[in-house]
Amino acid sequence: MAPSRDIDDATSAATSVGDGDEVSVVDDKRRGGGPSSILSTLFKGFEKDATGSVHRAWAACVLCMVIFFVFACIEANKLREDSYSTLTLQVAAYYSATIHLLLMVLGTFVLKRFATAFTVGTFLGITLVLSQQNLLMFAAFFKYGHGDYGTNLIFANLSLMLFLCLGFFTMILGHFKDRVIVG
């Protein structure tokens, strides 16, 4: 493969030859291979109003977090009433309620007032970690035998819903972060 202006020597070295056809890494990315093209295809409908789409996704997450906050407090109180339940899951329910309340305030502040590269990146990492925490909360409370079984199940399902909601928001914010960053 002859070197060109667009392709440097390292990319030329990454060219593989098979059955007489040369395929380079750069050519594969131009054709649409790679993870960024999957997100581009997934969020194609959001391209025209990317910032508005991020804000609407955040509003949906805030609504889910408000519902989660209420049920986390109810779940922790139900666990406190049961003498056989562990203190650990009570603390986990209160902790997750507090963290999600702080995330609502932080996220709204970052997206509306202070959208720098550092704050958006930090917020992106926090939402990713909290979405994974919600998956763990789902696993911990789904088949927990103490406390009120119905409340445990509702809390577990809300944790799963919030995992999915924050996961989607993290993907959409990660994809459109360049359009959200102001300064």
N, C-alpha and C. Protein backbone atom coordinates (compact mmCIF):
# COMPACT_ATOMS: atom_id res chain seq x y z
N MET A 1 0.84 -1.16 0.00
CA MET A 1 0.00 0.00 0.00
C MET A 1 0.89 1.22 0.00
N ALA A 2 0.68 2.11 -0.91
CA ALA A 2 1.50 3.31 -1.02
C ALA A 2 1.05 4.33 0.01
N PRO A 3 2.02 4.97 0.70
CA PRO A 3 1.64 5.96 1.69
C PRO A 3 1.00 7.18 1.03
N SER A 4 -0.01 7.74 1.67
CA SER A 4 -0.66 8.94 1.15
C SER A 4 -0.60 10.03 2.20
N ARG A 5 -1.16 11.20 1.86
CA ARG A 5 -1.15 12.31 2.79
C ARG A 5 -2.01 12.03 4.03
N ASP A 6 -3.10 11.28 3.86
CA ASP A 6 -4.04 11.05 4.95
C ASP A 6 -3.61 9.91 5.88
N ILE A 7 -2.78 9.01 5.40
CA ILE A 7 -2.44 7.83 6.17
C ILE A 7 -0.96 7.87 6.50
N ASP A 8 -0.61 7.79 7.77
CA ASP A 8 0.79 7.82 8.17
C ASP A 8 1.39 6.42 8.12
N ASP A 9 2.67 6.33 8.46
CA ASP A 9 3.37 5.05 8.38
C ASP A 9 2.83 4.02 9.36
N ALA A 10 2.39 4.46 10.54
CA ALA A 10 1.86 3.52 11.53
C ALA A 10 0.57 2.88 11.03
N THR A 11 -0.25 3.67 10.35
CA THR A 11 -1.49 3.13 9.80
C THR A 11 -1.19 2.22 8.62
N SER A 12 -0.19 2.58 7.84
CA SER A 12 0.20 1.72 6.72
C SER A 12 0.70 0.38 7.24
N ALA A 13 1.36 0.39 8.39
CA ALA A 13 1.85 -0.86 8.97
C ALA A 13 0.71 -1.70 9.51
N ALA A 14 -0.43 -1.09 9.81
CA ALA A 14 -1.57 -1.82 10.34
C ALA A 14 -2.43 -2.44 9.24
N THR A 15 -1.97 -2.34 8.01
CA THR A 15 -2.72 -2.90 6.89
C THR A 15 -2.52 -4.40 6.84
N SER A 16 -3.60 -5.12 6.66
CA SER A 16 -3.50 -6.57 6.54
C SER A 16 -3.87 -6.97 5.13
N VAL A 17 -3.23 -8.01 4.65
CA VAL A 17 -3.46 -8.48 3.29
C VAL A 17 -4.07 -9.87 3.37
N GLY A 18 -5.19 -10.06 2.73
CA GLY A 18 -5.84 -11.36 2.72
C GLY A 18 -6.58 -11.56 1.42
N ASP A 19 -6.35 -12.64 0.72
CA ASP A 19 -6.98 -12.97 -0.55
C ASP A 19 -6.79 -11.88 -1.59
N GLY A 20 -5.69 -11.19 -1.55
CA GLY A 20 -5.40 -10.18 -2.56
C GLY A 20 -6.03 -8.83 -2.28
N ASP A 21 -6.85 -8.71 -1.27
CA ASP A 21 -7.49 -7.43 -0.94
C ASP A 21 -6.78 -6.81 0.24
N GLU A 22 -6.43 -5.53 0.12
CA GLU A 22 -5.83 -4.82 1.23
C GLU A 22 -6.92 -4.10 2.02
N VAL A 23 -6.89 -4.28 3.33
CA VAL A 23 -7.85 -3.62 4.20
C VAL A 23 -7.06 -2.94 5.31
N SER A 24 -7.26 -1.66 5.48
CA SER A 24 -6.55 -0.96 6.54
C SER A 24 -7.51 -0.60 7.66
N VAL A 25 -6.94 -0.26 8.80
CA VAL A 25 -7.74 0.13 9.95
C VAL A 25 -8.50 1.41 9.65
N VAL A 26 -7.86 2.35 8.96
CA VAL A 26 -8.50 3.62 8.62
C VAL A 26 -9.66 3.38 7.67
N ASP A 27 -9.49 2.49 6.68
CA ASP A 27 -10.57 2.20 5.75
C ASP A 27 -11.76 1.59 6.47
N ASP A 28 -11.49 0.74 7.48
CA ASP A 28 -12.57 0.12 8.24
C ASP A 28 -13.36 1.17 9.00
N LYS A 29 -12.69 2.18 9.58
CA LYS A 29 -13.39 3.23 10.31
C LYS A 29 -14.15 4.14 9.36
N ARG A 30 -13.63 4.35 8.14
CA ARG A 30 -14.35 5.17 7.16
C ARG A 30 -15.62 4.49 6.70
N ARG A 31 -15.61 3.17 6.66
CA ARG A 31 -16.79 2.42 6.23
C ARG A 31 -17.85 2.35 7.33
N GLY A 32 -17.51 2.75 8.53
CA GLY A 32 -18.51 2.77 9.60
C GLY A 32 -18.30 1.72 10.65
N GLY A 33 -17.16 1.06 10.70
CA GLY A 33 -16.91 0.08 11.74
C GLY A 33 -16.54 0.77 13.03
N GLY A 34 -16.72 0.10 14.13
CA GLY A 34 -16.31 0.65 15.41
C GLY A 34 -17.49 1.06 16.26
N PRO A 35 -17.22 1.29 17.56
CA PRO A 35 -18.31 1.58 18.49
C PRO A 35 -18.97 2.93 18.27
N SER A 36 -18.23 3.94 17.78
CA SER A 36 -18.86 5.24 17.60
C SER A 36 -19.92 5.21 16.51
N SER A 37 -19.75 4.36 15.52
CA SER A 37 -20.76 4.28 14.47
C SER A 37 -22.03 3.61 14.97
N ILE A 38 -21.91 2.72 15.94
CA ILE A 38 -23.09 2.09 16.52
C ILE A 38 -23.91 3.14 17.27
N LEU A 39 -23.25 3.99 18.06
CA LEU A 39 -23.97 5.04 18.76
C LEU A 39 -24.52 6.08 17.79
N SER A 40 -23.79 6.36 16.71
CA SER A 40 -24.29 7.30 15.71
C SER A 40 -25.56 6.77 15.08
N THR A 41 -25.59 5.48 14.79
CA THR A 41 -26.79 4.88 14.22
C THR A 41 -27.92 4.86 15.24
N LEU A 42 -27.60 4.54 16.48
CA LEU A 42 -28.61 4.47 17.53
C LEU A 42 -29.25 5.82 17.81
N PHE A 43 -28.44 6.88 17.82
CA PHE A 43 -28.93 8.21 18.17
C PHE A 43 -29.11 9.10 16.95
N LYS A 44 -29.31 8.53 15.79
CA LYS A 44 -29.47 9.31 14.56
C LYS A 44 -30.68 10.24 14.63
N GLY A 45 -31.75 9.79 15.25
CA GLY A 45 -32.95 10.61 15.38
C GLY A 45 -32.79 11.79 16.32
N PHE A 46 -31.76 11.78 17.15
CA PHE A 46 -31.54 12.85 18.12
C PHE A 46 -30.55 13.90 17.62
N GLU A 47 -29.99 13.73 16.43
CA GLU A 47 -28.93 14.60 15.93
C GLU A 47 -29.37 16.06 15.79
N LYS A 48 -30.61 16.30 15.35
CA LYS A 48 -31.04 17.68 15.07
C LYS A 48 -31.10 18.53 16.33
N ASP A 49 -31.52 17.96 17.44
CA ASP A 49 -31.61 18.68 18.70
C ASP A 49 -30.90 17.88 19.78
N ALA A 50 -29.59 17.79 19.66
CA ALA A 50 -28.81 16.95 20.57
C ALA A 50 -28.87 17.45 22.01
N THR A 51 -28.71 18.75 22.19
CA THR A 51 -28.74 19.30 23.54
C THR A 51 -30.12 19.12 24.17
N GLY A 52 -31.16 19.37 23.40
CA GLY A 52 -32.52 19.16 23.92
C GLY A 52 -32.78 17.71 24.25
N SER A 53 -32.23 16.80 23.46
CA SER A 53 -32.40 15.37 23.73
C SER A 53 -31.72 14.97 25.03
N VAL A 54 -30.53 15.52 25.26
CA VAL A 54 -29.82 15.24 26.52
C VAL A 54 -30.62 15.78 27.70
N HIS A 55 -31.16 16.98 27.56
CA HIS A 55 -31.93 17.58 28.65
C HIS A 55 -33.23 16.82 28.91
N ARG A 56 -33.89 16.34 27.85
CA ARG A 56 -35.11 15.55 28.05
C ARG A 56 -34.79 14.21 28.70
N ALA A 57 -33.68 13.59 28.30
CA ALA A 57 -33.28 12.33 28.93
C ALA A 57 -32.95 12.56 30.40
N TRP A 58 -32.32 13.69 30.71
CA TRP A 58 -32.02 13.99 32.11
C TRP A 58 -33.30 14.23 32.90
N ALA A 59 -34.29 14.89 32.30
CA ALA A 59 -35.57 15.12 32.98
C ALA A 59 -36.25 13.79 33.29
N ALA A 60 -36.18 12.84 32.37
CA ALA A 60 -36.75 11.51 32.63
C ALA A 60 -36.01 10.82 33.77
N CYS A 61 -34.69 10.97 33.81
CA CYS A 61 -33.90 10.38 34.90
C CYS A 61 -34.24 11.03 36.24
N VAL A 62 -34.42 12.34 36.25
CA VAL A 62 -34.78 13.03 37.49
C VAL A 62 -36.13 12.55 38.00
N LEU A 63 -37.08 12.38 37.10
CA LEU A 63 -38.39 11.86 37.51
C LEU A 63 -38.26 10.46 38.12
N CYS A 64 -37.47 9.61 37.48
CA CYS A 64 -37.24 8.26 38.02
C CYS A 64 -36.54 8.32 39.37
N MET A 65 -35.59 9.25 39.52
CA MET A 65 -34.86 9.36 40.78
C MET A 65 -35.74 9.89 41.91
N VAL A 66 -36.70 10.75 41.61
CA VAL A 66 -37.62 11.23 42.64
C VAL A 66 -38.47 10.06 43.15
N ILE A 67 -38.99 9.27 42.22
CA ILE A 67 -39.77 8.09 42.62
C ILE A 67 -38.90 7.12 43.41
N PHE A 68 -37.66 6.92 42.95
CA PHE A 68 -36.73 6.04 43.64
C PHE A 68 -36.43 6.55 45.05
N PHE A 69 -36.24 7.84 45.19
CA PHE A 69 -35.94 8.43 46.50
C PHE A 69 -37.06 8.14 47.50
N VAL A 70 -38.30 8.33 47.07
CA VAL A 70 -39.44 8.08 47.95
C VAL A 70 -39.49 6.61 48.37
N PHE A 71 -39.35 5.71 47.39
CA PHE A 71 -39.44 4.29 47.72
C PHE A 71 -38.21 3.79 48.48
N ALA A 72 -37.06 4.42 48.29
CA ALA A 72 -35.88 4.03 49.07
C ALA A 72 -36.09 4.35 50.55
N CYS A 73 -36.69 5.50 50.82
CA CYS A 73 -36.98 5.85 52.22
C CYS A 73 -38.03 4.91 52.81
N ILE A 74 -39.04 4.57 52.02
CA ILE A 74 -40.06 3.62 52.49
C ILE A 74 -39.43 2.26 52.75
N GLU A 75 -38.58 1.81 51.83
CA GLU A 75 -37.92 0.50 51.98
C GLU A 75 -37.05 0.46 53.23
N ALA A 76 -36.27 1.52 53.46
CA ALA A 76 -35.41 1.55 54.64
C ALA A 76 -36.23 1.52 55.93
N ASN A 77 -37.34 2.23 55.93
CA ASN A 77 -38.21 2.21 57.13
C ASN A 77 -38.86 0.86 57.34
N LYS A 78 -39.25 0.18 56.26
CA LYS A 78 -39.83 -1.16 56.39
C LYS A 78 -38.79 -2.15 56.91
N LEU A 79 -37.55 -2.00 56.45
CA LEU A 79 -36.48 -2.88 56.94
C LEU A 79 -36.17 -2.61 58.40
N ARG A 80 -36.31 -1.37 58.83
CA ARG A 80 -36.04 -1.03 60.22
C ARG A 80 -37.09 -1.64 61.15
N GLU A 81 -38.33 -1.76 60.64
CA GLU A 81 -39.41 -2.35 61.45
C GLU A 81 -39.21 -3.85 61.67
N ASP A 82 -38.55 -4.52 60.72
CA ASP A 82 -38.32 -5.96 60.83
C ASP A 82 -37.10 -6.21 61.70
N SER A 83 -37.27 -7.00 62.75
CA SER A 83 -36.15 -7.23 63.68
C SER A 83 -35.10 -8.18 63.10
N TYR A 84 -35.44 -8.93 62.04
CA TYR A 84 -34.50 -9.88 61.47
C TYR A 84 -33.72 -9.32 60.28
N SER A 85 -34.07 -8.17 59.80
CA SER A 85 -33.35 -7.62 58.64
C SER A 85 -32.01 -7.04 59.08
N THR A 86 -31.10 -6.96 58.15
CA THR A 86 -29.76 -6.49 58.47
C THR A 86 -29.68 -4.97 58.39
N LEU A 87 -28.81 -4.43 59.19
CA LEU A 87 -28.57 -2.99 59.19
C LEU A 87 -27.92 -2.56 57.88
N THR A 88 -27.17 -3.46 57.27
CA THR A 88 -26.44 -3.15 56.04
C THR A 88 -27.38 -2.71 54.92
N LEU A 89 -28.47 -3.42 54.72
CA LEU A 89 -29.38 -3.06 53.65
C LEU A 89 -30.19 -1.80 53.98
N GLN A 90 -30.41 -1.55 55.26
CA GLN A 90 -31.04 -0.28 55.65
C GLN A 90 -30.14 0.89 55.27
N VAL A 91 -28.87 0.75 55.61
CA VAL A 91 -27.90 1.79 55.28
C VAL A 91 -27.79 1.94 53.76
N ALA A 92 -27.80 0.83 53.04
CA ALA A 92 -27.71 0.89 51.58
C ALA A 92 -28.90 1.62 50.98
N ALA A 93 -30.09 1.39 51.52
CA ALA A 93 -31.27 2.08 51.00
C ALA A 93 -31.21 3.57 51.29
N TYR A 94 -30.85 3.94 52.52
CA TYR A 94 -30.72 5.37 52.85
C TYR A 94 -29.60 6.02 52.05
N TYR A 95 -28.48 5.32 51.93
CA TYR A 95 -27.33 5.84 51.19
C TYR A 95 -27.69 6.08 49.73
N SER A 96 -28.35 5.12 49.10
CA SER A 96 -28.70 5.29 47.69
C SER A 96 -29.73 6.40 47.51
N ALA A 97 -30.64 6.56 48.46
CA ALA A 97 -31.60 7.67 48.38
C ALA A 97 -30.88 9.01 48.44
N THR A 98 -29.93 9.13 49.37
CA THR A 98 -29.18 10.37 49.52
C THR A 98 -28.32 10.66 48.29
N ILE A 99 -27.64 9.64 47.79
CA ILE A 99 -26.78 9.82 46.63
C ILE A 99 -27.59 10.24 45.40
N HIS A 100 -28.76 9.65 45.21
CA HIS A 100 -29.57 10.02 44.06
C HIS A 100 -30.15 11.43 44.20
N LEU A 101 -30.45 11.84 45.42
CA LEU A 101 -30.89 13.21 45.65
C LEU A 101 -29.77 14.19 45.30
N LEU A 102 -28.56 13.89 45.73
CA LEU A 102 -27.42 14.75 45.39
C LEU A 102 -27.14 14.74 43.89
N LEU A 103 -27.32 13.58 43.25
CA LEU A 103 -27.11 13.50 41.80
C LEU A 103 -28.11 14.36 41.05
N MET A 104 -29.34 14.41 41.51
CA MET A 104 -30.34 15.26 40.85
C MET A 104 -29.91 16.72 40.87
N VAL A 105 -29.45 17.19 42.01
CA VAL A 105 -29.03 18.58 42.14
C VAL A 105 -27.76 18.82 41.31
N LEU A 106 -26.78 17.95 41.46
CA LEU A 106 -25.52 18.10 40.74
C LEU A 106 -25.72 18.06 39.23
N GLY A 107 -26.49 17.11 38.75
CA GLY A 107 -26.70 16.96 37.32
C GLY A 107 -27.42 18.14 36.71
N THR A 108 -28.43 18.63 37.40
CA THR A 108 -29.15 19.80 36.89
C THR A 108 -28.25 21.02 36.86
N PHE A 109 -27.43 21.18 37.88
CA PHE A 109 -26.49 22.30 37.92
C PHE A 109 -25.47 22.20 36.79
N VAL A 110 -24.92 21.02 36.58
CA VAL A 110 -23.91 20.83 35.54
C VAL A 110 -24.50 21.07 34.15
N LEU A 111 -25.65 20.50 33.89
CA LEU A 111 -26.23 20.62 32.54
C LEU A 111 -26.77 22.01 32.25
N LYS A 112 -27.30 22.70 33.24
CA LYS A 112 -27.93 24.00 32.99
C LYS A 112 -26.98 25.18 33.16
N ARG A 113 -26.05 25.11 34.10
CA ARG A 113 -25.26 26.29 34.45
C ARG A 113 -23.76 26.18 34.21
N PHE A 114 -23.19 25.00 34.33
CA PHE A 114 -21.74 24.90 34.41
C PHE A 114 -21.23 23.73 33.57
N ALA A 115 -21.51 23.75 32.28
CA ALA A 115 -21.19 22.62 31.40
C ALA A 115 -19.81 22.77 30.78
N THR A 116 -18.76 22.64 31.60
CA THR A 116 -17.40 22.63 31.07
C THR A 116 -17.00 21.19 30.78
N ALA A 117 -15.87 21.03 30.12
CA ALA A 117 -15.41 19.68 29.79
C ALA A 117 -15.15 18.85 31.05
N PHE A 118 -14.57 19.48 32.06
CA PHE A 118 -14.28 18.76 33.30
C PHE A 118 -15.55 18.33 34.03
N THR A 119 -16.50 19.25 34.18
CA THR A 119 -17.71 18.92 34.93
C THR A 119 -18.58 17.91 34.19
N VAL A 120 -18.68 18.04 32.87
CA VAL A 120 -19.47 17.08 32.11
C VAL A 120 -18.82 15.70 32.15
N GLY A 121 -17.49 15.65 32.05
CA GLY A 121 -16.79 14.37 32.14
C GLY A 121 -16.94 13.72 33.51
N THR A 122 -16.83 14.53 34.56
CA THR A 122 -17.02 14.02 35.92
C THR A 122 -18.45 13.53 36.12
N PHE A 123 -19.40 14.31 35.63
CA PHE A 123 -20.81 13.92 35.73
C PHE A 123 -21.08 12.64 34.95
N LEU A 124 -20.45 12.50 33.82
CA LEU A 124 -20.60 11.28 33.01
C LEU A 124 -20.09 10.06 33.79
N GLY A 125 -18.95 10.20 34.44
CA GLY A 125 -18.42 9.10 35.25
C GLY A 125 -19.29 8.77 36.45
N ILE A 126 -19.82 9.80 37.10
CA ILE A 126 -20.68 9.57 38.26
C ILE A 126 -21.96 8.84 37.85
N THR A 127 -22.56 9.24 36.73
CA THR A 127 -23.79 8.57 36.30
C THR A 127 -23.51 7.12 35.90
N LEU A 128 -22.35 6.87 35.32
CA LEU A 128 -22.00 5.49 34.97
C LEU A 128 -21.86 4.63 36.23
N VAL A 129 -21.16 5.15 37.23
CA VAL A 129 -20.97 4.39 38.47
C VAL A 129 -22.30 4.18 39.20
N LEU A 130 -23.13 5.21 39.25
CA LEU A 130 -24.41 5.06 39.95
C LEU A 130 -25.37 4.14 39.21
N SER A 131 -25.28 4.09 37.89
CA SER A 131 -26.13 3.13 37.18
C SER A 131 -25.72 1.70 37.54
N GLN A 132 -24.42 1.47 37.68
CA GLN A 132 -23.96 0.14 38.09
C GLN A 132 -24.35 -0.16 39.53
N GLN A 133 -24.34 0.86 40.39
CA GLN A 133 -24.77 0.67 41.77
C GLN A 133 -26.24 0.27 41.81
N ASN A 134 -27.05 0.83 40.93
CA ASN A 134 -28.47 0.47 40.90
C ASN A 134 -28.66 -0.97 40.47
N LEU A 135 -27.80 -1.46 39.59
CA LEU A 135 -27.88 -2.87 39.21
C LEU A 135 -27.56 -3.77 40.42
N LEU A 136 -26.58 -3.37 41.21
CA LEU A 136 -26.26 -4.12 42.42
C LEU A 136 -27.38 -4.04 43.46
N MET A 137 -28.04 -2.90 43.56
CA MET A 137 -29.18 -2.77 44.47
C MET A 137 -30.32 -3.68 44.03
N PHE A 138 -30.53 -3.79 42.73
CA PHE A 138 -31.54 -4.70 42.21
C PHE A 138 -31.23 -6.13 42.63
N ALA A 139 -29.97 -6.52 42.46
CA ALA A 139 -29.57 -7.89 42.82
C ALA A 139 -29.70 -8.15 44.32
N ALA A 140 -29.40 -7.15 45.13
CA ALA A 140 -29.45 -7.34 46.58
C ALA A 140 -30.88 -7.42 47.11
N PHE A 141 -31.79 -6.65 46.55
CA PHE A 141 -33.13 -6.56 47.12
C PHE A 141 -34.17 -7.43 46.41
N PHE A 142 -33.83 -8.04 45.29
CA PHE A 142 -34.84 -8.75 44.51
C PHE A 142 -35.42 -9.95 45.26
N LYS A 143 -34.59 -10.77 45.84
CA LYS A 143 -35.08 -11.97 46.54
C LYS A 143 -34.79 -11.91 48.04
N TYR A 144 -34.68 -10.70 48.58
CA TYR A 144 -34.37 -10.56 50.01
C TYR A 144 -35.57 -11.02 50.82
N GLY A 145 -35.35 -11.88 51.80
CA GLY A 145 -36.43 -12.53 52.52
C GLY A 145 -36.98 -11.77 53.71
N HIS A 146 -36.31 -10.74 54.18
CA HIS A 146 -36.77 -10.02 55.37
C HIS A 146 -37.43 -8.71 54.97
N GLY A 147 -38.17 -8.15 55.89
CA GLY A 147 -38.92 -6.94 55.58
C GLY A 147 -40.18 -7.29 54.82
N ASP A 148 -40.77 -6.31 54.19
CA ASP A 148 -41.97 -6.53 53.41
C ASP A 148 -41.57 -6.98 52.00
N TYR A 149 -42.02 -8.15 51.58
CA TYR A 149 -41.61 -8.71 50.29
C TYR A 149 -42.06 -7.80 49.13
N GLY A 150 -43.26 -7.25 49.21
CA GLY A 150 -43.75 -6.38 48.14
C GLY A 150 -42.92 -5.12 48.00
N THR A 151 -42.57 -4.52 49.13
CA THR A 151 -41.74 -3.32 49.11
C THR A 151 -40.34 -3.63 48.59
N ASN A 152 -39.79 -4.78 48.99
CA ASN A 152 -38.49 -5.19 48.47
C ASN A 152 -38.53 -5.34 46.95
N LEU A 153 -39.59 -5.95 46.45
CA LEU A 153 -39.71 -6.17 45.01
C LEU A 153 -39.89 -4.86 44.25
N ILE A 154 -40.70 -3.95 44.78
CA ILE A 154 -40.87 -2.64 44.14
C ILE A 154 -39.55 -1.89 44.12
N PHE A 155 -38.84 -1.89 45.25
CA PHE A 155 -37.56 -1.20 45.33
C PHE A 155 -36.54 -1.81 44.37
N ALA A 156 -36.52 -3.12 44.27
CA ALA A 156 -35.60 -3.78 43.35
C ALA A 156 -35.93 -3.43 41.90
N ASN A 157 -37.20 -3.44 41.56
CA ASN A 157 -37.58 -3.11 40.18
C ASN A 157 -37.34 -1.64 39.85
N LEU A 158 -37.53 -0.75 40.83
CA LEU A 158 -37.18 0.65 40.61
C LEU A 158 -35.67 0.82 40.42
N SER A 159 -34.88 0.03 41.13
CA SER A 159 -33.43 0.07 40.95
C SER A 159 -33.06 -0.37 39.54
N LEU A 160 -33.71 -1.41 39.05
CA LEU A 160 -33.45 -1.87 37.68
C LEU A 160 -33.87 -0.82 36.67
N MET A 161 -35.03 -0.20 36.88
CA MET A 161 -35.49 0.85 35.97
C MET A 161 -34.51 2.02 35.96
N LEU A 162 -34.02 2.40 37.13
CA LEU A 162 -33.06 3.50 37.21
C LEU A 162 -31.73 3.12 36.59
N PHE A 163 -31.33 1.85 36.70
CA PHE A 163 -30.13 1.37 36.02
C PHE A 163 -30.26 1.57 34.51
N LEU A 164 -31.39 1.18 33.96
CA LEU A 164 -31.61 1.32 32.52
C LEU A 164 -31.70 2.79 32.11
N CYS A 165 -32.39 3.58 32.91
CA CYS A 165 -32.56 5.00 32.59
C CYS A 165 -31.22 5.74 32.64
N LEU A 166 -30.45 5.53 33.70
CA LEU A 166 -29.14 6.18 33.81
C LEU A 166 -28.16 5.64 32.78
N GLY A 167 -28.28 4.37 32.45
CA GLY A 167 -27.42 3.80 31.40
C GLY A 167 -27.69 4.45 30.06
N PHE A 168 -28.97 4.63 29.71
CA PHE A 168 -29.32 5.31 28.46
C PHE A 168 -28.84 6.75 28.49
N PHE A 169 -29.05 7.43 29.62
CA PHE A 169 -28.61 8.82 29.72
C PHE A 169 -27.09 8.92 29.58
N THR A 170 -26.37 8.00 30.18
CA THR A 170 -24.91 8.02 30.08
C THR A 170 -24.47 7.84 28.63
N MET A 171 -25.14 6.96 27.91
CA MET A 171 -24.79 6.77 26.49
C MET A 171 -25.10 8.01 25.67
N ILE A 172 -26.25 8.61 25.89
CA ILE A 172 -26.62 9.78 25.09
C ILE A 172 -25.75 10.99 25.45
N LEU A 173 -25.43 11.16 26.73
CA LEU A 173 -24.54 12.26 27.12
C LEU A 173 -23.13 12.02 26.61
N GLY A 174 -22.66 10.78 26.68
CA GLY A 174 -21.33 10.47 26.15
C GLY A 174 -21.24 10.70 24.65
N HIS A 175 -22.31 10.42 23.94
CA HIS A 175 -22.31 10.60 22.49
C HIS A 175 -22.37 12.08 22.09
N PHE A 176 -23.15 12.87 22.82
CA PHE A 176 -23.34 14.28 22.47
C PHE A 176 -22.60 15.23 23.40
N LYS A 177 -21.57 14.76 24.09
CA LYS A 177 -20.89 15.61 25.07
C LYS A 177 -20.25 16.84 24.44
N ASP A 178 -19.80 16.73 23.20
CA ASP A 178 -19.18 17.89 22.54
C ASP A 178 -20.19 19.00 22.28
N ARG A 179 -21.44 18.65 22.11
CA ARG A 179 -22.48 19.66 21.87
C ARG A 179 -23.03 20.24 23.17
N VAL A 180 -22.87 19.51 24.26
CA VAL A 180 -23.37 19.97 25.56
C VAL A 180 -22.37 20.91 26.22
N ILE A 181 -21.08 20.66 26.01
CA ILE A 181 -20.03 21.46 26.64
C ILE A 181 -20.07 22.88 26.09
N VAL A 182 -20.16 23.85 26.99
CA VAL A 182 -20.29 25.25 26.59
C VAL A 182 -18.95 25.96 26.59
N GLY A 183 -18.20 25.84 27.67
CA GLY A 183 -16.99 26.64 27.79
C GLY A 183 -15.74 25.90 27.76
